[in-house]
Amino acid sequence: MTIGYLAAGKCWSTSTDAVDAYYSHLDLHIFMSGSNFVKSQYLKDSAVWKMYNWATPALGTWGTPAISIAPTNVYGSCTLEESTTGWNGTYDYAAAAAAWSFAFTIVLGTWMLAKNFGIIINAIRRW
């Protein structure tokens, strides 16, 4: 069993691949911080992921970014064998409801049959 790294909904064989997958899926964010607009984006520079933050009091004139190294810790783990089974991470609620309803109906029907079994036997005797 080979342990992998979980990122962006998939199991990766190395932590570097997992970090690349995580940061490459993040979009550009623009938000307000106090009276400034802030534009934040993760970019890979010389094999190192960095977070760039630009701040401006008015949209359209972005200054020099504040650059910091992005964290590269990968906390999720998975097994590579399980990730190749074809489960894509989605859950079919309709199929689950149908299976649960079928099982519940069988249990309820069996209970009703057992509860009224004496009545059924007496009806057969009289017939």
Protein backbone atom coordinates (compact mmCIF):
# COMPACT_ATOMS: atom_id res chain seq x y z
CA MET A 1 0.00 0.00 0.00
CA THR A 2 1.59 3.24 -1.17
CA ILE A 3 0.75 6.42 0.71
CA GLY A 4 0.08 9.50 -1.40
CA TYR A 5 -0.79 13.12 -0.80
CA LEU A 6 -4.35 14.44 -1.12
CA ALA A 7 -4.84 17.78 -2.91
CA ALA A 8 -7.40 19.25 -5.30
CA GLY A 9 -9.62 16.17 -4.93
CA LYS A 10 -7.00 13.71 -6.17
CA CYS A 11 -4.26 11.49 -4.74
CA TRP A 12 -0.72 12.49 -5.80
CA SER A 13 2.43 10.39 -5.51
CA THR A 14 4.68 13.22 -4.24
CA SER A 15 4.06 16.18 -1.97
CA THR A 16 5.47 18.49 -4.68
CA ASP A 17 2.83 17.31 -7.16
CA ALA A 18 0.12 17.78 -4.52
CA VAL A 19 1.27 21.33 -3.71
CA ASP A 20 1.42 22.17 -7.44
CA ALA A 21 -2.10 20.84 -7.94
CA TYR A 22 -3.43 22.78 -4.96
CA TYR A 23 -1.97 26.17 -5.85
CA SER A 24 -2.60 25.86 -9.59
CA HIS A 25 -6.35 25.49 -8.88
CA LEU A 26 -6.59 28.71 -6.88
CA ASP A 27 -7.97 31.74 -8.68
CA LEU A 28 -7.05 35.39 -8.49
CA HIS A 29 -8.83 37.09 -5.57
CA ILE A 30 -9.68 40.78 -5.32
CA PHE A 31 -11.09 41.98 -2.00
CA MET A 32 -11.34 45.03 0.26
CA SER A 33 -9.00 45.43 3.22
CA GLY A 34 -9.80 48.60 5.09
CA SER A 35 -9.94 51.36 2.48
CA ASN A 36 -7.68 49.51 0.00
CA PHE A 37 -8.42 47.03 -2.74
CA VAL A 38 -6.17 43.98 -2.51
CA LYS A 39 -5.39 41.59 -5.37
CA SER A 40 -3.98 38.25 -4.21
CA GLN A 41 -2.61 35.48 -6.38
CA TYR A 42 -0.36 32.42 -6.05
CA LEU A 43 2.33 32.10 -8.72
CA LYS A 44 5.19 29.66 -9.15
CA ASP A 45 8.56 31.40 -9.46
CA SER A 46 11.73 29.30 -9.89
CA ALA A 47 10.03 26.12 -8.60
CA VAL A 48 8.79 27.95 -5.48
CA TRP A 49 5.15 28.92 -4.91
CA LYS A 50 4.80 32.52 -3.81
CA MET A 51 1.83 34.63 -2.79
CA TYR A 52 1.68 38.04 -4.45
CA ASN A 53 -0.45 40.75 -2.83
CA TRP A 54 -1.01 44.06 -4.57
CA ALA A 55 -2.78 46.89 -2.74
CA THR A 56 -4.25 50.08 -4.16
CA PRO A 57 -6.66 52.75 -2.92
CA ALA A 58 -8.38 52.81 -6.34
CA LEU A 59 -8.96 50.03 -8.84
CA GLY A 60 -6.73 50.11 -11.89
CA THR A 61 -3.41 51.30 -10.46
CA TRP A 62 -1.71 48.33 -8.84
CA GLY A 63 1.60 49.03 -7.13
CA THR A 64 4.52 46.75 -6.37
CA PRO A 65 3.37 43.45 -4.87
CA ALA A 66 4.21 42.23 -1.41
CA ILE A 67 5.67 38.76 -1.97
CA SER A 68 5.71 35.94 0.55
CA ILE A 69 6.56 32.25 0.28
CA ALA A 70 3.44 30.10 0.19
CA PRO A 71 3.21 27.27 2.74
CA THR A 72 3.98 23.86 1.27
CA ASN A 73 2.60 21.63 4.02
CA VAL A 74 0.38 18.82 2.76
CA TYR A 75 -1.93 17.52 5.48
CA GLY A 76 -4.17 15.09 3.59
CA SER A 77 -2.99 11.57 2.93
CA CYS A 78 -4.45 8.81 0.77
CA THR A 79 -3.47 5.47 -0.69
CA LEU A 80 -2.58 5.44 -4.35
CA GLU A 81 -4.22 2.03 -4.83
CA GLU A 82 -7.60 3.38 -3.66
CA SER A 83 -7.32 6.42 -5.91
CA THR A 84 -7.15 4.25 -9.04
CA THR A 85 -10.43 2.42 -8.38
CA GLY A 86 -12.43 4.91 -10.40
CA TRP A 87 -14.37 6.62 -7.61
CA ASN A 88 -14.48 10.24 -8.72
CA GLY A 89 -15.56 11.72 -5.40
CA THR A 90 -19.19 12.34 -6.36
CA TYR A 91 -22.07 10.83 -4.45
CA ASP A 92 -25.20 9.68 -6.28
CA TYR A 93 -27.99 10.70 -3.91
CA ALA A 94 -30.75 9.30 -6.13
CA ALA A 95 -29.20 5.82 -6.19
CA ALA A 96 -28.57 5.94 -2.44
CA ALA A 97 -32.18 6.95 -1.78
CA ALA A 98 -33.46 4.16 -4.01
CA ALA A 99 -31.28 1.54 -2.28
CA TRP A 100 -32.29 2.77 1.19
CA SER A 101 -35.99 2.84 0.23
CA PHE A 102 -35.81 -0.69 -1.14
CA ALA A 103 -34.11 -2.01 2.00
CA PHE A 104 -36.55 -0.19 4.30
CA THR A 105 -39.53 -1.57 2.36
CA ILE A 106 -38.17 -5.12 2.66
CA VAL A 107 -37.68 -4.73 6.43
CA LEU A 108 -41.12 -3.19 6.90
CA GLY A 109 -42.79 -5.89 4.77
CA THR A 110 -41.04 -8.67 6.69
CA TRP A 111 -42.13 -7.14 10.00
CA MET A 112 -45.75 -6.84 8.85
CA LEU A 113 -45.73 -10.42 7.58
CA ALA A 114 -44.31 -11.73 10.87
CA LYS A 115 -46.75 -9.64 12.94
CA ASN A 116 -49.79 -10.98 11.06
CA PHE A 117 -48.52 -14.51 10.46
CA GLY A 118 -51.12 -16.03 12.80
CA ILE A 119 -53.99 -14.41 10.87
CA ILE A 120 -52.59 -15.77 7.60
CA ILE A 121 -52.29 -19.32 9.02
CA ASN A 122 -55.91 -19.21 10.31
CA ALA A 123 -57.15 -17.99 6.91
CA ILE A 124 -55.38 -20.89 5.19
CA ARG A 125 -56.90 -23.40 7.66
CA ARG A 126 -60.41 -22.13 6.99
CA TRP A 127 -59.98 -22.24 3.26
